Amino acid sequence: MIPTLAAVGVALSCELDVVDCFGNTVHLDHSNWEKHLDRHPDVVPYHDQLPLVLQVPQIVVKAEVDGAYHFYRLRSARVRCVRSICG
């Protein structure tokens, strides 16, 4: 398991407002970022690539269960976006 930056004593802030490939505004504030770190520590190294993954994904999959969109780029983070926070 990859330790989070918080676990090794490094603080990382994430404030993000970006328009995704569908034209929806995605907002990620610091408190939301902190909530995701425990469940998805694998995304930390890709922090700076999140806007790119949302704007120019190589694959987008819509989950049948909850309608969330999953944005993918090879060698980048996977980003899950529930439509209610995407515009």
PDB file of N, CA and C in Angstrom:
ATOM      1  N   MET A   1       0.834  -1.181   0.000  1.00  0.00           N
ATOM      2  CA  MET A   1       0.000   0.000   0.000  1.00  0.00           C
ATOM      3  C   MET A   1       0.881   1.247   0.000  1.00  0.00           C
ATOM      4  N   ILE A   2       0.546   2.187  -0.857  1.00  0.00           N
ATOM      5  CA  ILE A   2       1.295   3.435  -0.938  1.00  0.00           C
ATOM      6  C   ILE A   2       0.807   4.370   0.163  1.00  0.00           C
ATOM      7  N   PRO A   3       1.711   4.892   1.002  1.00  0.00           N
ATOM      8  CA  PRO A   3       1.265   5.798   2.065  1.00  0.00           C
ATOM      9  C   PRO A   3       0.809   7.132   1.475  1.00  0.00           C
ATOM     10  N   THR A   4      -0.162   7.743   2.115  1.00  0.00           N
ATOM     11  CA  THR A   4      -0.603   9.066   1.686  1.00  0.00           C
ATOM     12  C   THR A   4       0.446  10.085   2.093  1.00  0.00           C
ATOM     13  N   LEU A   5       0.409  11.236   1.444  1.00  0.00           N
ATOM     14  CA  LEU A   5       1.344  12.294   1.816  1.00  0.00           C
ATOM     15  C   LEU A   5       1.132  12.725   3.254  1.00  0.00           C
ATOM     16  N   ALA A   6      -0.133  12.742   3.688  1.00  0.00           N
ATOM     17  CA  ALA A   6      -0.429  13.114   5.069  1.00  0.00           C
ATOM     18  C   ALA A   6       0.219  12.123   6.038  1.00  0.00           C
ATOM     19  N   ALA A   7       0.238  10.840   5.672  1.00  0.00           N
ATOM     20  CA  ALA A   7       0.810   9.816   6.538  1.00  0.00           C
ATOM     21  C   ALA A   7       2.315   9.980   6.712  1.00  0.00           C
ATOM     22  N   VAL A   8       2.965  10.566   5.713  1.00  0.00           N
ATOM     23  CA  VAL A   8       4.409  10.767   5.821  1.00  0.00           C
ATOM     24  C   VAL A   8       4.756  12.200   6.197  1.00  0.00           C
ATOM     25  N   GLY A   9       3.731  12.973   6.610  1.00  0.00           N
ATOM     26  CA  GLY A   9       3.966  14.305   7.126  1.00  0.00           C
ATOM     27  C   GLY A   9       4.022  15.416   6.089  1.00  0.00           C
ATOM     28  N   VAL A  10       3.483  15.182   4.901  1.00  0.00           N
ATOM     29  CA  VAL A  10       3.476  16.209   3.859  1.00  0.00           C
ATOM     30  C   VAL A  10       2.037  16.613   3.592  1.00  0.00           C
ATOM     31  N   ALA A  11       1.766  17.901   3.645  1.00  0.00           N
ATOM     32  CA  ALA A  11       0.420  18.400   3.372  1.00  0.00           C
ATOM     33  C   ALA A  11       0.290  18.717   1.888  1.00  0.00           C
ATOM     34  N   LEU A  12      -0.805  18.321   1.293  1.00  0.00           N
ATOM     35  CA  LEU A  12      -1.064  18.596  -0.113  1.00  0.00           C
ATOM     36  C   LEU A  12      -2.445  19.191  -0.218  1.00  0.00           C
ATOM     37  N   SER A  13      -2.543  20.304  -0.869  1.00  0.00           N
ATOM     38  CA  SER A  13      -3.825  20.960  -1.047  1.00  0.00           C
ATOM     39  C   SER A  13      -4.313  20.727  -2.464  1.00  0.00           C
ATOM     40  N   CYS A  14      -5.594  20.586  -2.608  1.00  0.00           N
ATOM     41  CA  CYS A  14      -6.163  20.417  -3.932  1.00  0.00           C
ATOM     42  C   CYS A  14      -7.410  21.271  -4.041  1.00  0.00           C
ATOM     43  N   GLU A  15      -7.334  22.275  -4.851  1.00  0.00           N
ATOM     44  CA  GLU A  15      -8.481  23.100  -5.206  1.00  0.00           C
ATOM     45  C   GLU A  15      -8.553  23.043  -6.714  1.00  0.00           C
ATOM     46  N   LEU A  16      -9.645  22.537  -7.236  1.00  0.00           N
ATOM     47  CA  LEU A  16      -9.726  22.308  -8.663  1.00  0.00           C
ATOM     48  C   LEU A  16     -11.092  22.711  -9.189  1.00  0.00           C
ATOM     49  N   ASP A  17     -11.104  23.530 -10.207  1.00  0.00           N
ATOM     50  CA  ASP A  17     -12.292  23.831 -10.990  1.00  0.00           C
ATOM     51  C   ASP A  17     -11.882  23.660 -12.436  1.00  0.00           C
ATOM     52  N   VAL A  18     -12.470  22.694 -13.101  1.00  0.00           N
ATOM     53  CA  VAL A  18     -12.097  22.400 -14.487  1.00  0.00           C
ATOM     54  C   VAL A  18     -13.354  21.988 -15.254  1.00  0.00           C
ATOM     55  N   VAL A  19     -13.373  22.252 -16.532  1.00  0.00           N
ATOM     56  CA  VAL A  19     -14.476  21.831 -17.386  1.00  0.00           C
ATOM     57  C   VAL A  19     -14.066  20.501 -18.022  1.00  0.00           C
ATOM     58  N   ASP A  20     -14.892  19.465 -17.815  1.00  0.00           N
ATOM     59  CA  ASP A  20     -14.556  18.144 -18.350  1.00  0.00           C
ATOM     60  C   ASP A  20     -14.833  18.064 -19.851  1.00  0.00           C
ATOM     61  N   CYS A  21     -14.558  16.917 -20.424  1.00  0.00           N
ATOM     62  CA  CYS A  21     -14.708  16.725 -21.865  1.00  0.00           C
ATOM     63  C   CYS A  21     -16.154  16.815 -22.329  1.00  0.00           C
ATOM     64  N   PHE A  22     -17.120  16.773 -21.419  1.00  0.00           N
ATOM     65  CA  PHE A  22     -18.539  16.890 -21.767  1.00  0.00           C
ATOM     66  C   PHE A  22     -19.061  18.306 -21.567  1.00  0.00           C
ATOM     67  N   GLY A  23     -18.179  19.228 -21.126  1.00  0.00           N
ATOM     68  CA  GLY A  23     -18.583  20.610 -20.906  1.00  0.00           C
ATOM     69  C   GLY A  23     -19.133  20.887 -19.523  1.00  0.00           C
ATOM     70  N   ASN A  24     -18.982  19.939 -18.604  1.00  0.00           N
ATOM     71  CA  ASN A  24     -19.460  20.109 -17.228  1.00  0.00           C
ATOM     72  C   ASN A  24     -18.343  20.625 -16.331  1.00  0.00           C
ATOM     73  N   THR A  25     -18.679  21.532 -15.432  1.00  0.00           N
ATOM     74  CA  THR A  25     -17.702  22.036 -14.479  1.00  0.00           C
ATOM     75  C   THR A  25     -17.539  21.036 -13.344  1.00  0.00           C
ATOM     76  N   VAL A  26     -16.297  20.680 -13.072  1.00  0.00           N
ATOM     77  CA  VAL A  26     -15.971  19.768 -11.975  1.00  0.00           C
ATOM     78  C   VAL A  26     -15.261  20.588 -10.902  1.00  0.00           C
ATOM     79  N   HIS A  27     -15.775  20.516  -9.689  1.00  0.00           N
ATOM     80  CA  HIS A  27     -15.168  21.234  -8.567  1.00  0.00           C
ATOM     81  C   HIS A  27     -14.698  20.221  -7.538  1.00  0.00           C
ATOM     82  N   LEU A  28     -13.450  20.326  -7.185  1.00  0.00           N
ATOM     83  CA  LEU A  28     -12.881  19.501  -6.124  1.00  0.00           C
ATOM     84  C   LEU A  28     -12.225  20.452  -5.140  1.00  0.00           C
ATOM     85  N   ASP A  29     -12.743  20.488  -3.923  1.00  0.00           N
ATOM     86  CA  ASP A  29     -12.136  21.363  -2.925  1.00  0.00           C
ATOM     87  C   ASP A  29     -11.229  20.551  -2.009  1.00  0.00           C
ATOM     88  N   HIS A  30     -10.513  21.236  -1.157  1.00  0.00           N
ATOM     89  CA  HIS A  30      -9.522  20.577  -0.312  1.00  0.00           C
ATOM     90  C   HIS A  30     -10.142  19.514   0.601  1.00  0.00           C
ATOM     91  N   SER A  31     -11.295  19.802   1.191  1.00  0.00           N
ATOM     92  CA  SER A  31     -11.901  18.822   2.106  1.00  0.00           C
ATOM     93  C   SER A  31     -12.322  17.561   1.357  1.00  0.00           C
ATOM     94  N   ASN A  32     -12.795  17.712   0.120  1.00  0.00           N
ATOM     95  CA  ASN A  32     -13.167  16.550  -0.693  1.00  0.00           C
ATOM     96  C   ASN A  32     -11.918  15.742  -1.050  1.00  0.00           C
ATOM     97  N   TRP A  33     -10.844  16.440  -1.406  1.00  0.00           N
ATOM     98  CA  TRP A  33      -9.567  15.773  -1.707  1.00  0.00           C
ATOM     99  C   TRP A  33      -9.097  14.962  -0.505  1.00  0.00           C
ATOM    100  N   GLU A  34      -9.154  15.542   0.687  1.00  0.00           N
ATOM    101  CA  GLU A  34      -8.718  14.852   1.893  1.00  0.00           C
ATOM    102  C   GLU A  34      -9.540  13.586   2.135  1.00  0.00           C
ATOM    103  N   LYS A  35     -10.841  13.630   1.879  1.00  0.00           N
ATOM    104  CA  LYS A  35     -11.697  12.454   2.061  1.00  0.00           C
ATOM    105  C   LYS A  35     -11.290  11.320   1.125  1.00  0.00           C
ATOM    106  N   HIS A  36     -10.825  11.659  -0.083  1.00  0.00           N
ATOM    107  CA  HIS A  36     -10.462  10.645  -1.061  1.00  0.00           C
ATOM    108  C   HIS A  36      -9.089  10.027  -0.813  1.00  0.00           C
ATOM    109  N   LEU A  37      -8.227  10.713  -0.076  1.00  0.00           N
ATOM    110  CA  LEU A  37      -6.873  10.208   0.127  1.00  0.00           C
ATOM    111  C   LEU A  37      -6.830   8.864   0.835  1.00  0.00           C
ATOM    112  N   ASP A  38      -7.678   8.663   1.831  1.00  0.00           N
ATOM    113  CA  ASP A  38      -7.672   7.394   2.558  1.00  0.00           C
ATOM    114  C   ASP A  38      -8.127   6.230   1.681  1.00  0.00           C
ATOM    115  N   ARG A  39      -9.135   6.475   0.847  1.00  0.00           N
ATOM    116  CA  ARG A  39      -9.671   5.406  -0.001  1.00  0.00           C
ATOM    117  C   ARG A  39      -8.872   5.199  -1.285  1.00  0.00           C
ATOM    118  N   HIS A  40      -8.223   6.254  -1.772  1.00  0.00           N
ATOM    119  CA  HIS A  40      -7.527   6.180  -3.056  1.00  0.00           C
ATOM    120  C   HIS A  40      -6.125   6.797  -2.982  1.00  0.00           C
ATOM    121  N   PRO A  41      -5.249   6.240  -2.144  1.00  0.00           N
ATOM    122  CA  PRO A  41      -3.904   6.805  -2.038  1.00  0.00           C
ATOM    123  C   PRO A  41      -3.123   6.710  -3.353  1.00  0.00           C
ATOM    124  N   ASP A  42      -3.542   5.818  -4.239  1.00  0.00           N
ATOM    125  CA  ASP A  42      -2.868   5.649  -5.521  1.00  0.00           C
ATOM    126  C   ASP A  42      -2.993   6.866  -6.430  1.00  0.00           C
ATOM    127  N   VAL A  43      -3.932   7.770  -6.158  1.00  0.00           N
ATOM    128  CA  VAL A  43      -4.126   8.946  -6.996  1.00  0.00           C
ATOM    129  C   VAL A  43      -3.172  10.089  -6.632  1.00  0.00           C
ATOM    130  N   VAL A  44      -2.555  10.032  -5.463  1.00  0.00           N
ATOM    131  CA  VAL A  44      -1.694  11.126  -4.996  1.00  0.00           C
ATOM    132  C   VAL A  44      -0.575  11.468  -5.990  1.00  0.00           C
ATOM    133  N   PRO A  45       0.147  10.498  -6.534  1.00  0.00           N
ATOM    134  CA  PRO A  45       1.216  10.858  -7.472  1.00  0.00           C
ATOM    135  C   PRO A  45       0.710  11.541  -8.746  1.00  0.00           C
ATOM    136  N   TYR A  46      -0.583  11.416  -9.012  1.00  0.00           N
ATOM    137  CA  TYR A  46      -1.160  11.965 -10.233  1.00  0.00           C
ATOM    138  C   TYR A  46      -1.957  13.249  -9.987  1.00  0.00           C
ATOM    139  N   HIS A  47      -1.792  13.842  -8.832  1.00  0.00           N
ATOM    140  CA  HIS A  47      -2.514  15.042  -8.436  1.00  0.00           C
ATOM    141  C   HIS A  47      -2.522  16.102  -9.532  1.00  0.00           C
ATOM    142  N   ASP A  48      -1.371  16.383 -10.113  1.00  0.00           N
ATOM    143  CA  ASP A  48      -1.266  17.436 -11.125  1.00  0.00           C
ATOM    144  C   ASP A  48      -1.892  17.052 -12.466  1.00  0.00           C
ATOM    145  N   GLN A  49      -2.177  15.765 -12.652  1.00  0.00           N
ATOM    146  CA  GLN A  49      -2.750  15.311 -13.914  1.00  0.00           C
ATOM    147  C   GLN A  49      -4.274  15.243 -13.905  1.00  0.00           C
ATOM    148  N   LEU A  50      -4.896  15.494 -12.769  1.00  0.00           N
ATOM    149  CA  LEU A  50      -6.353  15.386 -12.684  1.00  0.00           C
ATOM    150  C   LEU A  50      -7.077  16.245 -13.720  1.00  0.00           C
ATOM    151  N   PRO A  51      -6.691  17.512 -13.926  1.00  0.00           N
ATOM    152  CA  PRO A  51      -7.387  18.293 -14.955  1.00  0.00           C
ATOM    153  C   PRO A  51      -7.272  17.669 -16.346  1.00  0.00           C
ATOM    154  N   LEU A  52      -6.098  17.158 -16.688  1.00  0.00           N
ATOM    155  CA  LEU A  52      -5.894  16.525 -17.992  1.00  0.00           C
ATOM    156  C   LEU A  52      -6.773  15.289 -18.159  1.00  0.00           C
ATOM    157  N   VAL A  53      -6.847  14.478 -17.117  1.00  0.00           N
ATOM    158  CA  VAL A  53      -7.667  13.261 -17.179  1.00  0.00           C
ATOM    159  C   VAL A  53      -9.131  13.619 -17.417  1.00  0.00           C
ATOM    160  N   LEU A  54      -9.599  14.685 -16.801  1.00  0.00           N
ATOM    161  CA  LEU A  54     -10.991  15.112 -16.980  1.00  0.00           C
ATOM    162  C   LEU A  54     -11.240  15.788 -18.326  1.00  0.00           C
ATOM    163  N   GLN A  55     -10.273  16.563 -18.800  1.00  0.00           N
ATOM    164  CA  GLN A  55     -10.458  17.316 -20.032  1.00  0.00           C
ATOM    165  C   GLN A  55     -10.200  16.497 -21.287  1.00  0.00           C
ATOM    166  N   VAL A  56      -9.205  15.601 -21.236  1.00  0.00           N
ATOM    167  CA  VAL A  56      -8.823  14.834 -22.417  1.00  0.00           C
ATOM    168  C   VAL A  56      -8.631  13.360 -22.036  1.00  0.00           C
ATOM    169  N   PRO A  57      -9.706  12.701 -21.597  1.00  0.00           N
ATOM    170  CA  PRO A  57      -9.562  11.290 -21.230  1.00  0.00           C
ATOM    171  C   PRO A  57      -9.402  10.430 -22.483  1.00  0.00           C
ATOM    172  N   GLN A  58      -8.790   9.283 -22.308  1.00  0.00           N
ATOM    173  CA  GLN A  58      -8.709   8.330 -23.406  1.00  0.00           C
ATOM    174  C   GLN A  58      -9.910   7.384 -23.385  1.00  0.00           C
ATOM    175  N   ILE A  59     -10.450   7.186 -22.203  1.00  0.00           N
ATOM    176  CA  ILE A  59     -11.623   6.317 -22.040  1.00  0.00           C
ATOM    177  C   ILE A  59     -12.534   6.943 -20.986  1.00  0.00           C
ATOM    178  N   VAL A  60     -13.839   6.924 -21.235  1.00  0.00           N
ATOM    179  CA  VAL A  60     -14.826   7.325 -20.235  1.00  0.00           C
ATOM    180  C   VAL A  60     -15.851   6.203 -20.155  1.00  0.00           C
ATOM    181  N   VAL A  61     -16.109   5.737 -18.943  1.00  0.00           N
ATOM    182  CA  VAL A  61     -17.067   4.662 -18.720  1.00  0.00           C
ATOM    183  C   VAL A  61     -18.135   5.171 -17.764  1.00  0.00           C
ATOM    184  N   LYS A  62     -19.392   4.958 -18.117  1.00  0.00           N
ATOM    185  CA  LYS A  62     -20.496   5.326 -17.230  1.00  0.00           C
ATOM    186  C   LYS A  62     -20.947   4.079 -16.476  1.00  0.00           C
ATOM    187  N   ALA A  63     -20.913   4.147 -15.162  1.00  0.00           N
ATOM    188  CA  ALA A  63     -21.316   3.015 -14.332  1.00  0.00           C
ATOM    189  C   ALA A  63     -22.829   2.876 -14.344  1.00  0.00           C
ATOM    190  N   GLU A  64     -23.309   1.676 -14.570  1.00  0.00           N
ATOM    191  CA  GLU A  64     -24.752   1.435 -14.584  1.00  0.00           C
ATOM    192  C   GLU A  64     -25.357   1.550 -13.190  1.00  0.00           C
ATOM    193  N   VAL A  65     -24.573   1.241 -12.176  1.00  0.00           N
ATOM    194  CA  VAL A  65     -25.083   1.216 -10.805  1.00  0.00           C
ATOM    195  C   VAL A  65     -25.512   2.596 -10.326  1.00  0.00           C
ATOM    196  N   ASP A  66     -24.629   3.591 -10.475  1.00  0.00           N
ATOM    197  CA  ASP A  66     -24.935   4.909  -9.917  1.00  0.00           C
ATOM    198  C   ASP A  66     -24.829   6.050 -10.928  1.00  0.00           C
ATOM    199  N   GLY A  67     -24.527   5.736 -12.169  1.00  0.00           N
ATOM    200  CA  GLY A  67     -24.442   6.767 -13.191  1.00  0.00           C
ATOM    201  C   GLY A  67     -23.177   7.598 -13.135  1.00  0.00           C
ATOM    202  N   ALA A  68     -22.231   7.208 -12.288  1.00  0.00           N
ATOM    203  CA  ALA A  68     -20.966   7.940 -12.182  1.00  0.00           C
ATOM    204  C   ALA A  68     -20.137   7.704 -13.434  1.00  0.00           C
ATOM    205  N   TYR A  69     -19.404   8.722 -13.813  1.00  0.00           N
ATOM    206  CA  TYR A  69     -18.498   8.615 -14.949  1.00  0.00           C
ATOM    207  C   TYR A  69     -17.087   8.360 -14.433  1.00  0.00           C
ATOM    208  N   HIS A  70     -16.385   7.442 -15.077  1.00  0.00           N
ATOM    209  CA  HIS A  70     -15.007   7.119 -14.733  1.00  0.00           C
ATOM    210  C   HIS A  70     -14.142   7.532 -15.915  1.00  0.00           C
ATOM    211  N   PHE A  71     -13.238   8.477 -15.656  1.00  0.00           N
ATOM    212  CA  PHE A  71     -12.367   9.017 -16.695  1.00  0.00           C
ATOM    213  C   PHE A  71     -10.997   8.357 -16.572  1.00  0.00           C
ATOM    214  N   TYR A  72     -10.427   7.939 -17.684  1.00  0.00           N
ATOM    215  CA  TYR A  72      -9.138   7.245 -17.677  1.00  0.00           C
ATOM    216  C   TYR A  72      -8.177   7.830 -18.708  1.00  0.00           C
ATOM    217  N   ARG A  73      -6.913   7.847 -18.351  1.00  0.00           N
ATOM    218  CA  ARG A  73      -5.806   8.073 -19.283  1.00  0.00           C
ATOM    219  C   ARG A  73      -4.746   7.048 -18.924  1.00  0.00           C
ATOM    220  N   LEU A  74      -4.090   6.489 -19.910  1.00  0.00           N
ATOM    221  CA  LEU A  74      -3.032   5.530 -19.642  1.00  0.00           C
ATOM    222  C   LEU A  74      -1.933   6.200 -18.826  1.00  0.00           C
ATOM    223  N   ARG A  75      -1.436   5.474 -17.844  1.00  0.00           N
ATOM    224  CA  ARG A  75      -0.378   5.950 -16.949  1.00  0.00           C
ATOM    225  C   ARG A  75      -0.778   7.196 -16.175  1.00  0.00           C
ATOM    226  N   SER A  76      -2.045   7.374 -15.947  1.00  0.00           N
ATOM    227  CA  SER A  76      -2.552   8.489 -15.154  1.00  0.00           C
ATOM    228  C   SER A  76      -3.551   7.958 -14.143  1.00  0.00           C
ATOM    229  N   ALA A  77      -4.062   8.859 -13.358  1.00  0.00           N
ATOM    230  CA  ALA A  77      -5.051   8.486 -12.355  1.00  0.00           C
ATOM    231  C   ALA A  77      -6.386   8.164 -13.002  1.00  0.00           C
ATOM    232  N   ARG A  78      -7.169   7.363 -12.313  1.00  0.00           N
ATOM    233  CA  ARG A  78      -8.564   7.152 -12.703  1.00  0.00           C
ATOM    234  C   ARG A  78      -9.369   8.169 -11.917  1.00  0.00           C
ATOM    235  N   VAL A  79     -10.272   8.848 -12.588  1.00  0.00           N
ATOM    236  CA  VAL A  79     -11.081   9.857 -11.924  1.00  0.00           C
ATOM    237  C   VAL A  79     -12.543   9.437 -12.015  1.00  0.00           C
ATOM    238  N   ARG A  80     -13.215   9.396 -10.883  1.00  0.00           N
ATOM    239  CA  ARG A  80     -14.622   9.056 -10.840  1.00  0.00           C
ATOM    240  C   ARG A  80     -15.400  10.354 -10.625  1.00  0.00           C
ATOM    241  N   CYS A  81     -16.392  10.574 -11.435  1.00  0.00           N
ATOM    242  CA  CYS A  81     -17.139  11.827 -11.360  1.00  0.00           C
ATOM    243  C   CYS A  81     -18.629  11.520 -11.353  1.00  0.00           C
ATOM    244  N   VAL A  82     -19.273  11.803 -10.251  1.00  0.00           N
ATOM    245  CA  VAL A  82     -20.713  11.623 -10.156  1.00  0.00           C
ATOM    246  C   VAL A  82     -21.357  12.861 -10.782  1.00  0.00           C
ATOM    247  N   ARG A  83     -22.298  12.670 -11.642  1.00  0.00           N
ATOM    248  CA  ARG A  83     -22.874  13.760 -12.418  1.00  0.00           C
ATOM    249  C   ARG A  83     -23.341  14.912 -11.534  1.00  0.00           C
ATOM    250  N   SER A  84     -23.773  14.660 -10.320  1.00  0.00           N
ATOM    251  CA  SER A  84     -24.262  15.744  -9.469  1.00  0.00           C
ATOM    252  C   SER A  84     -23.162  16.715  -9.064  1.00  0.00           C
ATOM    253  N   ILE A  85     -21.895  16.301  -9.112  1.00  0.00           N
ATOM    254  CA  ILE A  85     -20.814  17.236  -8.809  1.00  0.00           C
ATOM    255  C   ILE A  85     -20.139  17.728 -10.084  1.00  0.00           C
ATOM    256  N   CYS A  86     -20.630  17.290 -11.204  1.00  0.00           N
ATOM    257  CA  CYS A  86     -20.008  17.662 -12.491  1.00  0.00           C
ATOM    258  C   CYS A  86     -20.875  18.591 -13.301  1.00  0.00           C
ATOM    259  N   GLY A  87     -21.683  19.352 -12.671  1.00  0.00           N
ATOM    260  CA  GLY A  87     -22.466  20.316 -13.425  1.00  0.00           C
ATOM    261  C   GLY A  87     -23.938  20.109 -13.278  1.00  0.00           C
TER     262      GLY A  87
END
